[in-house]
Protein backbone atom coordinates (compact mmCIF):
# COMPACT_ATOMS: atom_id res chain seq x y z
CA MET A 1 14.15 26.11 -3.57
CA LYS A 2 12.01 24.40 -0.90
CA ARG A 3 9.04 24.23 -3.28
CA SER A 4 11.04 22.28 -5.91
CA ARG A 5 12.37 19.90 -3.25
CA ILE A 6 8.82 19.14 -2.05
CA LEU A 7 7.67 18.66 -5.63
CA LYS A 8 10.54 16.21 -6.31
CA LEU A 9 9.72 14.22 -3.16
CA SER A 10 6.04 14.11 -4.13
CA ILE A 11 6.85 12.85 -7.62
CA MET A 12 9.23 10.21 -6.22
CA SER A 13 6.58 9.02 -3.72
CA ALA A 14 3.92 8.81 -6.43
CA SER A 15 6.30 6.84 -8.68
CA ALA A 16 7.06 4.38 -5.88
CA LEU A 17 3.35 3.84 -5.18
CA THR A 18 2.68 3.31 -8.90
CA LEU A 19 5.44 0.68 -9.09
CA ILE A 20 4.06 -1.14 -6.03
CA ALA A 21 0.53 -1.11 -7.50
CA CYS A 22 1.82 -2.47 -10.83
CA GLU A 23 3.68 -5.29 -9.09
CA GLN A 24 0.53 -6.29 -7.21
CA SER A 25 -1.63 -6.60 -10.32
CA GLN A 26 -1.44 -8.84 -13.34
CA GLU A 27 -3.02 -8.70 -16.76
CA VAL A 28 -5.14 -11.76 -17.54
CA GLY A 29 -7.50 -12.93 -20.23
CA VAL A 30 -11.11 -13.63 -19.21
CA PHE A 31 -13.14 -15.63 -21.71
CA GLU A 32 -16.51 -17.36 -21.89
CA ASN A 33 -15.44 -19.71 -24.66
CA LEU A 34 -12.63 -20.80 -26.94
CA GLU A 35 -13.68 -18.48 -29.78
CA GLN A 36 -13.41 -15.33 -27.64
CA CYS A 37 -9.95 -16.37 -26.54
CA SER A 38 -8.76 -17.25 -30.06
CA ASN A 39 -10.02 -13.89 -31.38
CA GLN A 40 -8.07 -11.95 -28.74
CA SER A 41 -4.72 -10.75 -30.08
CA GLY A 42 -1.76 -12.24 -28.23
CA PHE A 43 -3.38 -15.66 -27.69
CA SER A 44 -2.98 -18.59 -30.06
CA ARG A 45 -5.72 -21.16 -30.63
CA GLU A 46 -3.48 -23.82 -29.09
CA GLU A 47 -2.89 -21.75 -25.91
CA CYS A 48 -6.61 -21.06 -25.64
CA THR A 49 -7.51 -24.74 -26.09
CA ASN A 50 -4.95 -25.90 -23.52
CA SER A 51 -6.02 -23.24 -21.02
CA GLU A 52 -9.70 -24.09 -21.39
CA LYS A 53 -8.95 -27.81 -20.85
CA LEU A 54 -6.92 -27.06 -17.73
CA ALA A 55 -9.65 -24.78 -16.37
CA ARG A 56 -12.28 -27.49 -17.02
CA SER A 57 -10.22 -30.10 -15.18
CA GLU A 58 -9.77 -27.69 -12.23
CA HIS A 59 -13.51 -26.93 -12.27
CA ILE A 60 -14.28 -30.29 -10.67
CA ARG A 61 -11.83 -29.58 -7.86
CA VAL A 62 -12.54 -25.91 -7.09
CA ALA A 63 -16.27 -25.39 -7.82
CA PRO A 64 -18.47 -24.93 -4.74
CA LYS A 65 -20.39 -28.13 -3.96
CA TYR A 66 -24.01 -28.48 -2.82
CA SER A 67 -25.99 -31.35 -1.33
CA SER A 68 -29.08 -30.42 -3.38
CA VAL A 69 -29.64 -29.07 -6.87
CA THR A 70 -32.18 -26.61 -5.38
CA ASP A 71 -29.53 -25.01 -3.15
CA CYS A 72 -27.11 -24.78 -6.06
CA GLU A 73 -29.71 -23.23 -8.39
CA ARG A 74 -30.69 -20.66 -5.75
CA ASP A 75 -27.09 -19.45 -5.79
CA PHE A 76 -26.38 -19.80 -9.52
CA GLY A 77 -29.72 -19.89 -11.36
CA ALA A 78 -32.09 -22.39 -12.94
CA ASP A 79 -30.33 -24.89 -15.22
CA LYS A 80 -26.91 -23.48 -14.20
CA CYS A 81 -25.89 -26.47 -12.05
CA GLU A 82 -24.66 -29.96 -12.82
CA ILE A 83 -24.02 -33.21 -10.98
CA ALA A 84 -20.46 -33.38 -9.68
CA PRO A 85 -18.46 -36.58 -10.23
CA GLN A 86 -18.04 -36.93 -6.46
CA ARG A 87 -20.57 -38.74 -4.26
CA THR A 88 -21.19 -38.43 -0.56
CA THR A 89 -20.04 -41.35 1.61
CA THR A 90 -23.70 -42.37 1.83
CA GLY A 91 -23.90 -42.49 -1.98
CA GLY A 92 -25.84 -39.25 -2.46
CA SER A 93 -25.36 -36.88 -5.37
CA VAL A 94 -23.32 -33.69 -5.13
CA PHE A 95 -24.08 -30.63 -7.27
CA MET A 96 -21.90 -27.78 -8.50
CA PRO A 97 -22.38 -24.70 -10.70
CA MET A 98 -21.52 -24.91 -14.38
CA MET A 99 -18.33 -23.21 -15.48
CA MET A 100 -19.23 -19.88 -17.12
CA GLY A 101 -15.77 -18.93 -18.34
CA TYR A 102 -12.08 -19.17 -17.58
CA MET A 103 -9.14 -16.94 -16.76
CA MET A 104 -5.65 -17.36 -18.14
CA GLY A 105 -2.40 -15.41 -17.92
CA SER A 106 -1.42 -12.78 -20.46
CA MET A 107 1.97 -12.72 -22.16
CA LEU A 108 2.03 -8.92 -21.77
CA SER A 109 2.48 -9.25 -18.01
CA GLY A 110 4.53 -12.44 -18.02
CA GLY A 111 1.49 -14.40 -16.85
CA ARG A 112 1.74 -17.35 -19.19
CA SER A 113 2.89 -19.46 -16.25
CA MET A 114 -0.33 -18.67 -14.36
CA MET A 115 -2.51 -21.77 -13.96
CA PRO A 116 -5.79 -21.22 -15.86
CA GLN A 117 -8.84 -21.37 -13.63
CA PRO A 118 -12.60 -21.72 -14.05
CA LEU A 119 -14.94 -18.78 -13.50
CA TYR A 120 -18.55 -18.64 -12.31
CA ARG A 121 -21.46 -16.18 -12.23
CA SER A 122 -23.76 -16.16 -9.21
CA MET A 123 -27.39 -15.04 -8.91
CA ASP A 124 -26.25 -12.44 -6.35
CA ASP A 125 -23.90 -10.83 -8.90
CA THR A 126 -24.77 -11.91 -12.45
CA LYS A 127 -22.54 -9.32 -14.13
CA ASN A 128 -19.20 -10.36 -12.64
CA PHE A 129 -17.10 -13.43 -13.24
CA ARG A 130 -15.95 -14.97 -9.93
CA THR A 131 -13.35 -17.53 -8.94
CA GLY A 132 -14.18 -20.77 -7.12
CA ASP A 133 -13.37 -18.92 -3.88
CA ASN A 134 -15.97 -16.25 -4.76
CA GLN A 135 -13.45 -13.55 -5.62
CA ARG A 136 -14.71 -11.01 -8.17
CA VAL A 137 -12.58 -10.98 -11.33
CA SER A 138 -14.21 -8.87 -14.04
CA LYS A 139 -17.48 -7.85 -15.70
CA LYS A 140 -16.02 -8.07 -19.19
CA THR A 141 -14.28 -10.61 -21.33
CA GLY A 142 -10.90 -10.00 -22.92
CA LEU A 143 -7.80 -8.57 -21.30
CA THR A 144 -8.16 -7.06 -17.84
CA LYS A 145 -5.97 -6.31 -14.83
CA VAL A 146 -6.60 -8.17 -11.58
CA SER A 147 -4.82 -8.29 -8.25
CA LYS A 148 -2.09 -10.92 -8.12
CA GLY A 149 -4.03 -12.70 -5.37
CA LEU A 150 -6.76 -13.61 -7.86
CA THR A 151 -4.27 -15.50 -10.04
CA ARG A 152 -3.66 -18.06 -7.29
CA MET A 153 -5.63 -21.26 -7.76
CA PRO A 154 -8.81 -21.46 -5.62
CA SER A 155 -8.97 -23.96 -2.77
CA THR A 156 -10.16 -27.54 -3.19
CA LYS A 157 -13.81 -27.88 -2.18
CA THR A 158 -14.32 -31.04 -0.14
CA ARG A 159 -17.57 -30.10 1.60
CA THR A 160 -21.01 -29.12 0.44
CA ILE A 161 -22.62 -25.83 1.36
CA ARG A 162 -26.24 -24.98 1.89
CA ARG A 163 -27.96 -22.00 0.32
CA GLY A 164 -26.67 -18.75 1.73
CA GLY A 165 -25.29 -16.90 -1.25
CA PHE A 166 -22.20 -17.91 -3.20
CA GLY A 167 -19.42 -17.40 -0.68
CA ALA A 168 -21.69 -16.09 2.07
CA ALA A 169 -21.67 -17.68 5.49
CA ALA A 170 -23.88 -20.70 5.16
CA ARG A 171 -25.09 -23.45 7.43
CA SER A 172 -22.82 -26.44 7.99
CA VAL A 173 -24.37 -29.77 7.13
CA GLY A 174 -21.77 -32.53 7.75
CA THR A 175 -21.15 -35.40 5.17
CA ARG A 176 -17.73 -36.03 3.61
CA PHE A 177 -16.37 -37.06 0.21
CA SER A 178 -14.26 -40.18 0.21
CA SER A 179 -11.40 -38.22 -1.38
CA ALA A 180 -11.22 -35.45 1.25
CA ARG A 181 -8.12 -33.26 1.24
CA LYS A 182 -7.01 -30.21 3.16
CA PHE A 183 -9.18 -27.21 2.30
CA ARG A 184 -9.86 -23.58 3.15
CA ARG A 185 -13.31 -22.69 4.52
CA PHE A 186 -15.88 -21.59 1.97
CA GLY A 187 -19.15 -20.69 3.63
CA GLY A 188 -20.67 -23.47 5.74
CA PHE A 189 -19.62 -26.85 4.48
CA ARG A 190 -20.68 -30.39 4.38
CA SER A 191 -17.55 -32.41 3.77
CA PHE A 192 -17.27 -35.41 1.49
CA GLY A 193 -14.89 -38.05 2.76
CA GLY A 194 -13.94 -39.97 5.76
């Protein structure tokens, strides 16, 4: 009798932990391009196109920013950086990594309301897609489960960072964008604004 009671309690505990784990993860689609998304069952071409456009518009806001192309390329690779539309208050150029993919919600987990976001690949971890806040998402494209925390939009980057590894503690350098907003720390920053 005691053995069956212990077994029942063990099964109930395991079920509760499984439910908690399921609630804390979400299925998402990770894609490098529009074609991959459109070829994935459960996603329409229109949804894929809209999600890619939204991720590209967020890319400018959430991508890490650098004061030199050399620093950016050390973190993301040769020819993997571009000039950001922002300028420093002294008129200097700002550089950011190119978007290497995007993540969007999956209908299977009710994630269609998730805001699509850009993804990056760093030199320190070329196999994984990462968010603008340097959170690892997935090595593969297609449907994958991620923690719910990864589906939140990355912070706005209003400061530049110096070489130190994507997301690693880096040296602060000190110039602001003219459109500075509230932000969360991302390595050592140089801000853009006044």
